[in-house]
Structures are given as C-alpha cells and as structure tokens.
C-alpha atoms as a PDB file:
ATOM      1  CA  MET A   1     -54.570 -62.408 -14.298  1.00  0.00           C
ATOM      2  CA  VAL A   2     -53.832 -62.960 -10.534  1.00  0.00           C
ATOM      3  CA  PRO A   3     -50.972 -65.470  -9.986  1.00  0.00           C
ATOM      4  CA  LEU A   4     -51.940 -68.853  -9.020  1.00  0.00           C
ATOM      5  CA  PRO A   5     -50.253 -70.662  -6.153  1.00  0.00           C
ATOM      6  CA  ALA A   6     -50.083 -73.805  -7.557  1.00  0.00           C
ATOM      7  CA  ALA A   7     -47.889 -75.601  -5.095  1.00  0.00           C
ATOM      8  CA  ASP A   8     -49.549 -74.292  -1.713  1.00  0.00           C
ATOM      9  CA  ILE A   9     -52.693 -75.520  -3.421  1.00  0.00           C
ATOM     10  CA  ARG A  10     -51.635 -79.061  -4.033  1.00  0.00           C
ATOM     11  CA  ARG A  11     -50.259 -79.108  -0.508  1.00  0.00           C
ATOM     12  CA  ALA A  12     -53.347 -78.098   0.989  1.00  0.00           C
ATOM     13  CA  VAL A  13     -55.395 -80.172  -0.852  1.00  0.00           C
ATOM     14  CA  ARG A  14     -53.391 -83.402   0.087  1.00  0.00           C
ATOM     15  CA  MET A  15     -53.469 -81.917   3.695  1.00  0.00           C
ATOM     16  CA  GLY A  16     -57.480 -81.311   3.828  1.00  0.00           C
ATOM     17  CA  LEU A  17     -58.251 -85.079   2.174  1.00  0.00           C
ATOM     18  CA  ALA A  18     -55.649 -86.291   4.422  1.00  0.00           C
ATOM     19  CA  GLU A  19     -57.448 -84.719   7.708  1.00  0.00           C
ATOM     20  CA  ASP A  20     -61.061 -85.877   6.095  1.00  0.00           C
ATOM     21  CA  LEU A  21     -60.186 -89.288   4.443  1.00  0.00           C
ATOM     22  CA  SER A  22     -56.949 -91.095   5.704  1.00  0.00           C
ATOM     23  CA  HIS A  23     -58.999 -93.645   7.418  1.00  0.00           C
ATOM     24  CA  GLY A  24     -61.841 -93.929   4.880  1.00  0.00           C
ATOM     25  CA  ASP A  25     -65.294 -92.952   5.069  1.00  0.00           C
ATOM     26  CA  ALA A  26     -67.331 -94.821   7.605  1.00  0.00           C
ATOM     27  CA  THR A  27     -70.509 -93.691   6.871  1.00  0.00           C
ATOM     28  CA  THR A  28     -70.239 -93.974   2.957  1.00  0.00           C
ATOM     29  CA  THR A  29     -68.954 -97.424   3.156  1.00  0.00           C
ATOM     30  CA  ALA A  30     -71.432 -98.681   4.943  1.00  0.00           C
ATOM     31  CA  LEU A  31     -74.361 -97.274   3.114  1.00  0.00           C
ATOM     32  CA  PHE A  32     -73.347 -97.768  -0.351  1.00  0.00           C
ATOM     33  CA  SER A  33     -71.242-101.225  -1.292  1.00  0.00           C
ATOM     34  CA  THR A  34     -71.339-100.482  -4.840  1.00  0.00           C
ATOM     35  CA  PRO A  35     -70.826 -97.065  -7.373  1.00  0.00           C
ATOM     36  CA  ILE A  36     -74.105 -95.139  -7.336  1.00  0.00           C
ATOM     37  CA  ARG A  37     -74.511 -92.582 -10.241  1.00  0.00           C
ATOM     38  CA  ALA A  38     -75.071 -89.158  -9.062  1.00  0.00           C
ATOM     39  CA  CYS A  39     -75.195 -85.663 -10.093  1.00  0.00           C
ATOM     40  CA  ALA A  40     -74.004 -82.418  -8.025  1.00  0.00           C
ATOM     41  CA  GLN A  41     -74.347 -78.644  -8.153  1.00  0.00           C
ATOM     42  CA  ILE A  42     -72.502 -76.130  -6.073  1.00  0.00           C
ATOM     43  CA  VAL A  43     -74.977 -73.170  -5.781  1.00  0.00           C
ATOM     44  CA  ALA A  44     -74.365 -70.098  -4.271  1.00  0.00           C
ATOM     45  CA  GLN A  45     -76.580 -68.740  -1.504  1.00  0.00           C
ATOM     46  CA  GLU A  46     -75.327 -65.359  -1.627  1.00  0.00           C
ATOM     47  CA  ASP A  47     -73.730 -62.731  -3.742  1.00  0.00           C
ATOM     48  CA  LEU A  48     -70.262 -63.273  -3.582  1.00  0.00           C
ATOM     49  CA  VAL A  49     -66.822 -63.424  -5.522  1.00  0.00           C
ATOM     50  CA  VAL A  50     -65.497 -66.924  -6.246  1.00  0.00           C
ATOM     51  CA  ALA A  51     -62.105 -67.746  -4.757  1.00  0.00           C
ATOM     52  CA  GLY A  52     -61.312 -71.330  -4.154  1.00  0.00           C
ATOM     53  CA  MET A  53     -62.398 -72.975  -7.324  1.00  0.00           C
ATOM     54  CA  THR A  54     -59.208 -74.149  -8.447  1.00  0.00           C
ATOM     55  CA  PRO A  55     -58.697 -76.381  -5.404  1.00  0.00           C
ATOM     56  CA  ALA A  56     -62.181 -77.960  -5.270  1.00  0.00           C
ATOM     57  CA  VAL A  57     -61.756 -79.231  -8.523  1.00  0.00           C
ATOM     58  CA  GLN A  58     -58.429 -80.533  -7.530  1.00  0.00           C
ATOM     59  CA  THR A  59     -59.832 -82.366  -4.325  1.00  0.00           C
ATOM     60  CA  PHE A  60     -62.750 -84.097  -6.393  1.00  0.00           C
ATOM     61  CA  LEU A  61     -60.247 -85.336  -8.929  1.00  0.00           C
ATOM     62  CA  ALA A  62     -57.914 -86.330  -6.209  1.00  0.00           C
ATOM     63  CA  VAL A  63     -60.576 -88.288  -4.865  1.00  0.00           C
ATOM     64  CA  ASP A  64     -61.494 -90.103  -8.162  1.00  0.00           C
ATOM     65  CA  PRO A  65     -60.192 -89.004 -11.318  1.00  0.00           C
ATOM     66  CA  SER A  66     -63.378 -90.022 -13.277  1.00  0.00           C
ATOM     67  CA  LEU A  67     -65.729 -87.814 -11.828  1.00  0.00           C
ATOM     68  CA  VAL A  68     -66.944 -85.275 -14.582  1.00  0.00           C
ATOM     69  CA  LEU A  69     -66.389 -81.637 -13.464  1.00  0.00           C
ATOM     70  CA  THR A  70     -67.945 -78.299 -15.283  1.00  0.00           C
ATOM     71  CA  VAL A  71     -66.814 -75.207 -14.137  1.00  0.00           C
ATOM     72  CA  VAL A  72     -69.537 -72.263 -14.319  1.00  0.00           C
ATOM     73  CA  ARG A  73     -67.987 -69.869 -12.335  1.00  0.00           C
ATOM     74  CA  ARG A  74     -64.135 -69.782 -12.121  1.00  0.00           C
ATOM     75  CA  ASP A  75     -62.114 -68.024  -9.507  1.00  0.00           C
ATOM     76  CA  GLY A  76     -62.386 -64.221  -9.464  1.00  0.00           C
ATOM     77  CA  ALA A  77     -65.811 -64.403 -11.021  1.00  0.00           C
ATOM     78  CA  SER A  78     -68.593 -62.451  -9.438  1.00  0.00           C
ATOM     79  CA  ALA A  79     -71.921 -64.795  -8.602  1.00  0.00           C
ATOM     80  CA  THR A  80     -75.172 -64.094  -7.288  1.00  0.00           C
ATOM     81  CA  THR A  81     -77.350 -66.144  -5.048  1.00  0.00           C
ATOM     82  CA  GLY A  82     -78.871 -69.488  -7.065  1.00  0.00           C
ATOM     83  CA  ASP A  83     -76.191 -69.333  -9.336  1.00  0.00           C
ATOM     84  CA  VAL A  84     -74.668 -72.886  -9.791  1.00  0.00           C
ATOM     85  CA  LEU A  85     -70.875 -72.853  -9.759  1.00  0.00           C
ATOM     86  CA  MET A  86     -69.738 -75.902 -10.615  1.00  0.00           C
ATOM     87  CA  THR A  87     -71.658 -79.306 -11.500  1.00  0.00           C
ATOM     88  CA  ILE A  88     -70.021 -82.677 -10.781  1.00  0.00           C
ATOM     89  CA  THR A  89     -70.944 -86.297 -12.288  1.00  0.00           C
ATOM     90  CA  GLY A  90     -69.746 -89.589 -11.472  1.00  0.00           C
ATOM     91  CA  ASP A  91     -70.271 -91.931  -8.699  1.00  0.00           C
ATOM     92  CA  GLY A  92     -71.876 -90.329  -5.533  1.00  0.00           C
ATOM     93  CA  ARG A  93     -69.721 -91.958  -2.886  1.00  0.00           C
ATOM     94  CA  SER A  94     -66.936 -90.152  -4.541  1.00  0.00           C
ATOM     95  CA  ILE A  95     -68.851 -87.055  -4.370  1.00  0.00           C
ATOM     96  CA  LEU A  96     -69.456 -87.330  -0.666  1.00  0.00           C
ATOM     97  CA  MET A  97     -65.951 -88.246   0.365  1.00  0.00           C
ATOM     98  CA  ALA A  98     -64.599 -84.770  -1.444  1.00  0.00           C
ATOM     99  CA  GLU A  99     -67.828 -82.534  -0.858  1.00  0.00           C
ATOM    100  CA  ARG A 100     -66.303 -81.013   2.655  1.00  0.00           C
ATOM    101  CA  VAL A 101     -63.103 -80.273   1.849  1.00  0.00           C
ATOM    102  CA  ALA A 102     -63.652 -79.129  -1.457  1.00  0.00           C
ATOM    103  CA  LEU A 103     -66.852 -76.718   0.188  1.00  0.00           C
ATOM    104  CA  ASN A 104     -64.194 -75.748   2.762  1.00  0.00           C
ATOM    105  CA  PHE A 105     -61.574 -74.233   0.028  1.00  0.00           C
ATOM    106  CA  LEU A 106     -64.731 -72.393  -1.595  1.00  0.00           C
ATOM    107  CA  GLN A 107     -66.213 -70.783   1.330  1.00  0.00           C
ATOM    108  CA  HIS A 108     -63.171 -69.700   3.051  1.00  0.00           C
ATOM    109  CA  LEU A 109     -61.724 -68.620  -0.190  1.00  0.00           C
ATOM    110  CA  SER A 110     -64.790 -67.026  -1.499  1.00  0.00           C
ATOM    111  CA  GLY A 111     -65.491 -65.325   1.837  1.00  0.00           C
ATOM    112  CA  ILE A 112     -62.107 -63.669   2.189  1.00  0.00           C
ATOM    113  CA  ALA A 113     -62.388 -62.526  -1.715  1.00  0.00           C
ATOM    114  CA  THR A 114     -65.980 -61.104  -1.253  1.00  0.00           C
ATOM    115  CA  LEU A 115     -65.033 -58.966   1.922  1.00  0.00           C
ATOM    116  CA  THR A 116     -62.201 -57.760   0.151  1.00  0.00           C
ATOM    117  CA  ARG A 117     -64.026 -56.698  -2.860  1.00  0.00           C
ATOM    118  CA  LEU A 118     -66.661 -54.776  -0.446  1.00  0.00           C
ATOM    119  CA  PHE A 119     -63.354 -53.137   1.382  1.00  0.00           C
ATOM    120  CA  CYS A 120     -62.338 -51.983  -2.534  1.00  0.00           C
ATOM    121  CA  ARG A 121     -65.895 -50.619  -3.625  1.00  0.00           C
ATOM    122  CA  ALA A 122     -66.012 -48.634  -0.168  1.00  0.00           C
ATOM    123  CA  VAL A 123     -63.065 -46.681  -1.272  1.00  0.00           C
ATOM    124  CA  HIS A 124     -64.394 -46.339  -4.828  1.00  0.00           C
ATOM    125  CA  GLY A 125     -62.916 -42.922  -6.413  1.00  0.00           C
ATOM    126  CA  TYR A 126     -59.726 -42.533  -4.251  1.00  0.00           C
ATOM    127  CA  SER A 127     -56.303 -43.633  -5.365  1.00  0.00           C
ATOM    128  CA  VAL A 128     -55.832 -46.001  -2.243  1.00  0.00           C
ATOM    129  CA  SER A 129     -54.712 -49.527  -2.401  1.00  0.00           C
ATOM    130  CA  ILE A 130     -56.783 -52.135  -0.043  1.00  0.00           C
ATOM    131  CA  MET A 131     -53.877 -54.497   1.227  1.00  0.00           C
ATOM    132  CA  ASP A 132     -53.963 -57.616   3.197  1.00  0.00           C
ATOM    133  CA  THR A 133     -51.193 -58.633   6.289  1.00  0.00           C
ATOM    134  CA  ARG A 134     -49.491 -61.376   7.685  1.00  0.00           C
ATOM    135  CA  LYS A 135     -52.235 -62.263   9.937  1.00  0.00           C
ATOM    136  CA  THR A 136     -53.046 -65.457   8.143  1.00  0.00           C
ATOM    137  CA  LEU A 137     -53.485 -69.155   8.921  1.00  0.00           C
ATOM    138  CA  PRO A 138     -50.308 -71.075   8.875  1.00  0.00           C
ATOM    139  CA  GLY A 139     -49.433 -72.668   5.947  1.00  0.00           C
ATOM    140  CA  TRP A 140     -52.499 -71.007   4.068  1.00  0.00           C
ATOM    141  CA  ARG A 141     -50.640 -67.367   3.639  1.00  0.00           C
ATOM    142  CA  ALA A 142     -50.147 -67.829  -0.353  1.00  0.00           C
ATOM    143  CA  ILE A 143     -53.604 -69.474  -0.485  1.00  0.00           C
ATOM    144  CA  GLN A 144     -55.123 -66.463   1.679  1.00  0.00           C
ATOM    145  CA  LYS A 145     -53.165 -63.704  -0.210  1.00  0.00           C
ATOM    146  CA  TRP A 146     -54.480 -65.021  -3.629  1.00  0.00           C
ATOM    147  CA  ALA A 147     -57.740 -65.064  -2.462  1.00  0.00           C
ATOM    148  CA  VAL A 148     -57.395 -61.493  -1.406  1.00  0.00           C
ATOM    149  CA  ALA A 149     -55.971 -60.523  -4.699  1.00  0.00           C
ATOM    150  CA  LEU A 150     -58.901 -62.203  -6.665  1.00  0.00           C
ATOM    151  CA  GLY A 151     -60.930 -59.580  -4.947  1.00  0.00           C
ATOM    152  CA  GLY A 152     -59.444 -56.470  -6.036  1.00  0.00           C
ATOM    153  CA  GLY A 153     -57.012 -56.222  -3.018  1.00  0.00           C
ATOM    154  CA  VAL A 154     -53.315 -55.652  -3.074  1.00  0.00           C
ATOM    155  CA  ASN A 155     -50.922 -58.246  -1.560  1.00  0.00           C
ATOM    156  CA  HIS A 156     -48.547 -56.841   1.439  1.00  0.00           C
ATOM    157  CA  ARG A 157     -45.294 -58.928   2.723  1.00  0.00           C
ATOM    158  CA  SER A 158     -45.647 -62.510   2.144  1.00  0.00           C
ATOM    159  CA  SER A 159     -42.727 -63.273   4.963  1.00  0.00           C
ATOM    160  CA  LEU A 160     -40.347 -61.453   7.293  1.00  0.00           C
ATOM    161  CA  ALA A 161     -37.767 -61.446   4.982  1.00  0.00           C
ATOM    162  CA  ASP A 162     -39.922 -59.176   2.431  1.00  0.00           C
ATOM    163  CA  GLY A 163     -38.878 -55.675   3.252  1.00  0.00           C
ATOM    164  CA  LEU A 164     -38.252 -53.648   5.922  1.00  0.00           C
ATOM    165  CA  LEU A 165     -41.074 -53.090   8.614  1.00  0.00           C
ATOM    166  CA  VAL A 166     -40.057 -51.405  11.867  1.00  0.00           C
ATOM    167  CA  LYS A 167     -42.825 -51.963  14.246  1.00  0.00           C
ATOM    168  CA  ASP A 168     -43.269 -51.302  18.107  1.00  0.00           C
ATOM    169  CA  ASN A 169     -41.828 -54.343  19.234  1.00  0.00           C
ATOM    170  CA  HIS A 170     -38.599 -53.477  17.420  1.00  0.00           C
ATOM    171  CA  LEU A 171     -38.415 -50.193  18.905  1.00  0.00           C
ATOM    172  CA  ALA A 172     -38.722 -51.741  22.515  1.00  0.00           C
ATOM    173  CA  LEU A 173     -35.844 -53.537  22.121  1.00  0.00           C
ATOM    174  CA  LEU A 174     -33.469 -50.823  21.128  1.00  0.00           C
ATOM    175  CA  ARG A 175     -31.267 -49.057  23.625  1.00  0.00           C
ATOM    176  CA  ASP A 176     -32.007 -45.349  22.421  1.00  0.00           C
ATOM    177  CA  LYS A 177     -35.286 -44.257  24.279  1.00  0.00           C
ATOM    178  CA  GLN A 178     -35.177 -40.741  23.084  1.00  0.00           C
ATOM    179  CA  ALA A 179     -35.183 -41.144  19.414  1.00  0.00           C
ATOM    180  CA  PRO A 180     -35.636 -44.903  18.640  1.00  0.00           C
ATOM    181  CA  ILE A 181     -37.538 -44.555  15.399  1.00  0.00           C
ATOM    182  CA  LEU A 182     -34.938 -42.418  13.852  1.00  0.00           C
ATOM    183  CA  SER A 183     -32.434 -45.088  15.562  1.00  0.00           C
ATOM    184  CA  ALA A 184     -33.912 -47.769  13.834  1.00  0.00           C
ATOM    185  CA  CYS A 185     -34.007 -46.141  10.227  1.00  0.00           C
ATOM    186  CA  ARG A 186     -30.246 -45.338  10.197  1.00  0.00           C
ATOM    187  CA  ALA A 187     -29.564 -48.880  11.618  1.00  0.00           C
ATOM    188  CA  ALA A 188     -31.630 -50.219   8.845  1.00  0.00           C
ATOM    189  CA  ARG A 189     -30.447 -47.947   6.294  1.00  0.00           C
ATOM    190  CA  SER A 190     -26.829 -49.081   7.293  1.00  0.00           C
ATOM    191  CA  ARG A 191     -27.035 -53.133   8.030  1.00  0.00           C
ATOM    192  CA  ALA A 192     -29.091 -53.962   5.485  1.00  0.00           C
ATOM    193  CA  PRO A 193     -28.245 -51.946   2.181  1.00  0.00           C
ATOM    194  CA  HIS A 194     -28.975 -55.205   0.061  1.00  0.00           C
ATOM    195  CA  ILE A 195     -32.652 -54.882   0.807  1.00  0.00           C
ATOM    196  CA  LYS A 196     -34.212 -53.222  -2.091  1.00  0.00           C
ATOM    197  CA  ARG A 197     -37.447 -52.809  -0.610  1.00  0.00           C
ATOM    198  CA  PRO A 198     -38.746 -49.277   0.710  1.00  0.00           C
ATOM    199  CA  LEU A 199     -38.286 -48.732   4.473  1.00  0.00           C
ATOM    200  CA  ILE A 200     -41.566 -48.878   6.082  1.00  0.00           C
ATOM    201  CA  VAL A 201     -42.022 -47.761   9.359  1.00  0.00           C
ATOM    202  CA  GLU A 202     -44.942 -47.834  12.083  1.00  0.00           C
ATOM    203  CA  VAL A 203     -46.102 -44.992  14.386  1.00  0.00           C
ATOM    204  CA  GLU A 204     -48.719 -44.183  16.651  1.00  0.00           C
ATOM    205  CA  SER A 205     -48.427 -40.470  16.958  1.00  0.00           C
ATOM    206  CA  ILE A 206     -47.338 -37.580  15.128  1.00  0.00           C
ATOM    207  CA  ARG A 207     -44.500 -37.105  17.081  1.00  0.00           C
ATOM    208  CA  GLU A 208     -43.322 -40.400  15.958  1.00  0.00           C
ATOM    209  CA  ALA A 209     -44.104 -39.512  12.469  1.00  0.00           C
ATOM    210  CA  LYS A 210     -41.958 -36.696  12.760  1.00  0.00           C
ATOM    211  CA  GLN A 211     -38.988 -38.882  13.684  1.00  0.00           C
ATOM    212  CA  ALA A 212     -39.973 -41.422  10.679  1.00  0.00           C
ATOM    213  CA  LEU A 213     -39.398 -38.505   8.022  1.00  0.00           C
ATOM    214  CA  ARG A 214     -36.151 -37.296  10.047  1.00  0.00           C
ATOM    215  CA  GLY A 215     -34.903 -41.345   9.143  1.00  0.00           C
ATOM    216  CA  LYS A 216     -36.145 -40.678   5.709  1.00  0.00           C
ATOM    217  CA  ALA A 217     -38.618 -43.786   5.810  1.00  0.00           C
ATOM    218  CA  GLU A 218     -40.204 -44.397   2.503  1.00  0.00           C
ATOM    219  CA  ILE A 219     -43.707 -45.475   3.816  1.00  0.00           C
ATOM    220  CA  ILE A 220     -44.990 -44.382   7.000  1.00  0.00           C
ATOM    221  CA  LEU A 221     -47.453 -46.543   8.657  1.00  0.00           C
ATOM    222  CA  LEU A 222     -50.099 -44.666  10.834  1.00  0.00           C
ATOM    223  CA  ASP A 223     -51.475 -47.347  13.352  1.00  0.00           C
ATOM    224  CA  ASN A 224     -54.483 -47.250  15.229  1.00  0.00           C
ATOM    225  CA  MET A 225     -54.972 -43.512  14.382  1.00  0.00           C
ATOM    226  CA  THR A 226     -58.388 -41.418  14.242  1.00  0.00           C
ATOM    227  CA  VAL A 227     -59.338 -40.143  11.050  1.00  0.00           C
ATOM    228  CA  ALA A 228     -58.569 -36.624  12.205  1.00  0.00           C
ATOM    229  CA  GLU A 229     -55.335 -37.812  13.159  1.00  0.00           C
ATOM    230  CA  VAL A 230     -54.786 -39.380   9.697  1.00  0.00           C
ATOM    231  CA  ARG A 231     -55.581 -35.771   8.476  1.00  0.00           C
ATOM    232  CA  GLN A 232     -53.009 -34.265  10.548  1.00  0.00           C
ATOM    233  CA  ALA A 233     -50.141 -36.751   9.766  1.00  0.00           C
ATOM    234  CA  VAL A 234     -51.490 -36.585   6.117  1.00  0.00           C
ATOM    235  CA  LYS A 235     -50.501 -32.745   6.119  1.00  0.00           C
ATOM    236  CA  LEU A 236     -47.179 -33.221   8.141  1.00  0.00           C
ATOM    237  CA  ILE A 237     -45.658 -36.005   5.783  1.00  0.00           C
ATOM    238  CA  ALA A 238     -47.083 -33.571   2.459  1.00  0.00           C
ATOM    239  CA  GLY A 239     -45.942 -36.178   0.024  1.00  0.00           C
ATOM    240  CA  ARG A 240     -42.475 -37.006   1.523  1.00  0.00           C
ATOM    241  CA  ALA A 241     -43.435 -40.392   2.198  1.00  0.00           C
ATOM    242  CA  VAL A 242     -46.256 -42.748   0.975  1.00  0.00           C
ATOM    243  CA  VAL A 243     -48.856 -43.253   3.790  1.00  0.00           C
ATOM    244  CA  GLU A 244     -50.205 -46.344   5.146  1.00  0.00           C
ATOM    245  CA  VAL A 245     -53.243 -46.565   7.497  1.00  0.00           C
ATOM    246  CA  SER A 246     -53.955 -49.965   9.652  1.00  0.00           C
ATOM    247  CA  GLY A 247     -55.480 -50.795  12.907  1.00  0.00           C
ATOM    248  CA  GLY A 248     -59.255 -50.752  13.547  1.00  0.00           C
ATOM    249  CA  ILE A 249     -60.281 -50.519   9.842  1.00  0.00           C
ATOM    250  CA  THR A 250     -63.896 -51.622   9.340  1.00  0.00           C
ATOM    251  CA  LEU A 251     -66.132 -51.312   6.377  1.00  0.00           C
ATOM    252  CA  LYS A 252     -67.906 -48.350   8.297  1.00  0.00           C
ATOM    253  CA  ASN A 253     -64.445 -46.007   8.593  1.00  0.00           C
ATOM    254  CA  VAL A 254     -62.611 -47.104   5.553  1.00  0.00           C
ATOM    255  CA  ARG A 255     -63.609 -44.641   3.034  1.00  0.00           C
ATOM    256  CA  ALA A 256     -63.162 -41.878   5.570  1.00  0.00           C
ATOM    257  CA  MET A 257     -59.503 -43.227   6.233  1.00  0.00           C
ATOM    258  CA  ALA A 258     -59.058 -42.557   2.357  1.00  0.00           C
ATOM    259  CA  ALA A 259     -60.662 -39.391   2.412  1.00  0.00           C
ATOM    260  CA  ALA A 260     -58.029 -38.325   4.962  1.00  0.00           C
ATOM    261  CA  GLY A 261     -55.396 -38.836   2.576  1.00  0.00           C
ATOM    262  CA  ALA A 262     -54.327 -42.360   2.826  1.00  0.00           C
ATOM    263  CA  ASP A 263     -52.399 -44.209  -0.226  1.00  0.00           C
ATOM    264  CA  ARG A 264     -52.692 -47.694   0.950  1.00  0.00           C
ATOM    265  CA  ILE A 265     -54.933 -49.286   3.948  1.00  0.00           C
ATOM    266  CA  SER A 266     -53.591 -52.479   5.304  1.00  0.00           C
ATOM    267  CA  ILE A 267     -56.459 -54.915   7.052  1.00  0.00           C
ATOM    268  CA  GLY A 268     -55.914 -57.954   8.817  1.00  0.00           C
ATOM    269  CA  ALA A 269     -59.657 -58.554   9.106  1.00  0.00           C
ATOM    270  CA  LEU A 270     -59.325 -59.909   5.282  1.00  0.00           C
ATOM    271  CA  THR A 271     -57.973 -63.012   5.965  1.00  0.00           C
ATOM    272  CA  HIS A 272     -58.522 -63.479   9.497  1.00  0.00           C
ATOM    273  CA  SER A 273     -62.140 -62.464  10.134  1.00  0.00           C
ATOM    274  CA  ALA A 274     -63.516 -62.830   6.916  1.00  0.00           C
ATOM    275  CA  PRO A 275     -67.010 -64.710   7.300  1.00  0.00           C
ATOM    276  CA  ALA A 276     -67.231 -67.686   4.956  1.00  0.00           C
ATOM    277  CA  ALA A 277     -69.352 -67.466   2.146  1.00  0.00           C
ATOM    278  CA  THR A 278     -72.473 -69.179   2.158  1.00  0.00           C
ATOM    279  CA  LEU A 279     -72.499 -72.279  -0.621  1.00  0.00           C
ATOM    280  CA  SER A 280     -74.497 -75.841  -0.699  1.00  0.00           C
ATOM    281  CA  LEU A 281     -73.913 -78.826  -2.486  1.00  0.00           C
ATOM    282  CA  GLU A 282     -77.026 -80.208  -4.145  1.00  0.00           C
ATOM    283  CA  LEU A 283     -76.720 -84.152  -4.604  1.00  0.00           C
ATOM    284  CA  LYS A 284     -78.899 -85.591  -6.964  1.00  0.00           C
ATOM    285  CA  VAL A 285     -79.624 -89.696  -7.440  1.00  0.00           C
ATOM    286  CA  ALA A 286     -82.972 -90.097  -9.427  1.00  0.00           C
ATOM    287  CA  SER A 287     -85.306 -88.234  -8.148  1.00  0.00           C
ATOM    288  CA  HIS A 288     -83.883 -88.081  -5.189  1.00  0.00           C
ATOM    289  CA  THR A 289     -82.250 -84.162  -3.987  1.00  0.00           C
ATOM    290  CA  LYS A 290     -80.264 -83.824  -0.441  1.00  0.00           C
ATOM    291  CA  ARG A 291     -78.899 -80.132   0.339  1.00  0.00           C
ATOM    292  CA  ARG A 292     -75.780 -79.998   2.601  1.00  0.00           C
ATOM    293  CA  SER A 293     -74.269 -76.672   3.348  1.00  0.00           C
END
C-alpha cells in the first residue's frame, strides 16, 4: 500500500474549495433556488492510472455531506477509455459546486501517475528505479509524490533536510576550485555525521565522477550526460557507488539510460510536466445529460 498523505490532502481540499467557493457559486444560485436531484459519473476519456480519488471524494463531501458517492476505481487502479471512476447522487447544485475542484485533483494527479507508469514500463526488465525530484508545486509536494508512487515510481528527497545532496551551486560557493567535489565530500562527512543517509554528489563529467569516488560518495548523480557518457561512468564507478542519472530524461531515451547501467533515474518531468489526464463529469437530471470536461 502506498502511504496516504492524509493531512496534506485535507489541507489541499480546504484551499481548493476556498479558492472556488469562498464567495459562493453565482451561476448555480441564480439558476436553481431549490434542490434538484441529479446523478453524475466521472468517466475516463483515455487509458490512465487513477490518482486523486481520495481528495475528490473529500471535496464532494466537504461541499455536501449528504451526497452519495460510489468509488468504482480506487487510487492506484488502472482505467481504460470509457470506464466510470465514480458515481455521485444527490443535489445537483452541490455536484456543480464541487465539480471543478474534484476534477482538478483527479486530472492532475492521474496525469502524474500515468506518466510515471509509462516510464516504469519503458525500463521493464532492468533493475532500475524511476524516481521523482523536488520539482513540485509549492504546498503539493507530498500529494504529487504520492501520485508518483501510485504510478510505480520511487520517491526521492522530500525536503532539503532529507539527506545530503551536493549540487553544482554548492560547489560554486566553495573556495577549493581545484577539487571542489572532494572538498565537499569531506566537509559533509565531518560536519554532518549525524545524518544517516547516503551522500549523493551530482557530477557533470568523468573527471568529477573520479573526485566523487575519491570522496567516497555512496550515490553519484550523473547530470545531463549522454548515454555513451553514462556507460563510461558506470564502467569507471564499477559498483563502488550507486549510479543515478538525471537531466534530459524522456520516454525516448530512458530505456537506453537503464541499459547503460543506471541504478536509478530521477525525472523532474514526472511532477512538473505531466499532462493532465482527460476525464469528464457527466451530469444527468431526468433525461437531460450535460458533459463537462
């Protein structure tokens, strides 16, 4: 089971509804002065991995606890085009008020989970982890990383306190310009012995990878290297450190990176560039049907 970031979801639902409903729903109020019984379905318009069902349910119930919800596809489940993910029955006004916020959760998070699943499938057969990064929406990190995990990915650092990762801008501030990576490794070891996480060092060349090995980095992150360079670095490292690859990773080259010997591949696009999944909410009152996407 993928751990549910319950507190983060509750906070996001409150914020989403505050954005949309803090001053009410002018259109719905103008059109319908009394309750109007309705039924709705949320339908997949493409093949996808469901993520965001939990906050979607909370959104509908926060607007109107009397709504009757049936979840057909739970978080982490696969769905194909035309599949019903959820049904909602109750006051149509409440459904309209909750619709956009609920769909925002489902479309965005399902998009992340679906893209992650595509990357995982692309490297099938190789012993490599597909990982996310900290390139997330402010306030949504735990939720977006949850969606990555639902898609089969592995979560990287959740915050700057979550381990040691020496990057190029750290090196830029060091006085040692001859062997900055070696100096950074030694400083990290001596000044932060209490952090019981692997030391990760980002490198951009074979020369820097050699320094990271001398500094006894446990994980060497090969940044924006070609497949040939990754293969060369893997041969140099020869199992003395875990090899992570990042930068410029796409569905077109990820399998080649895995074949070159990467142990883990971190991809910022999983969270910052995943296309929203296509879903629709189909609302019915008597014989009338209205589709909103």
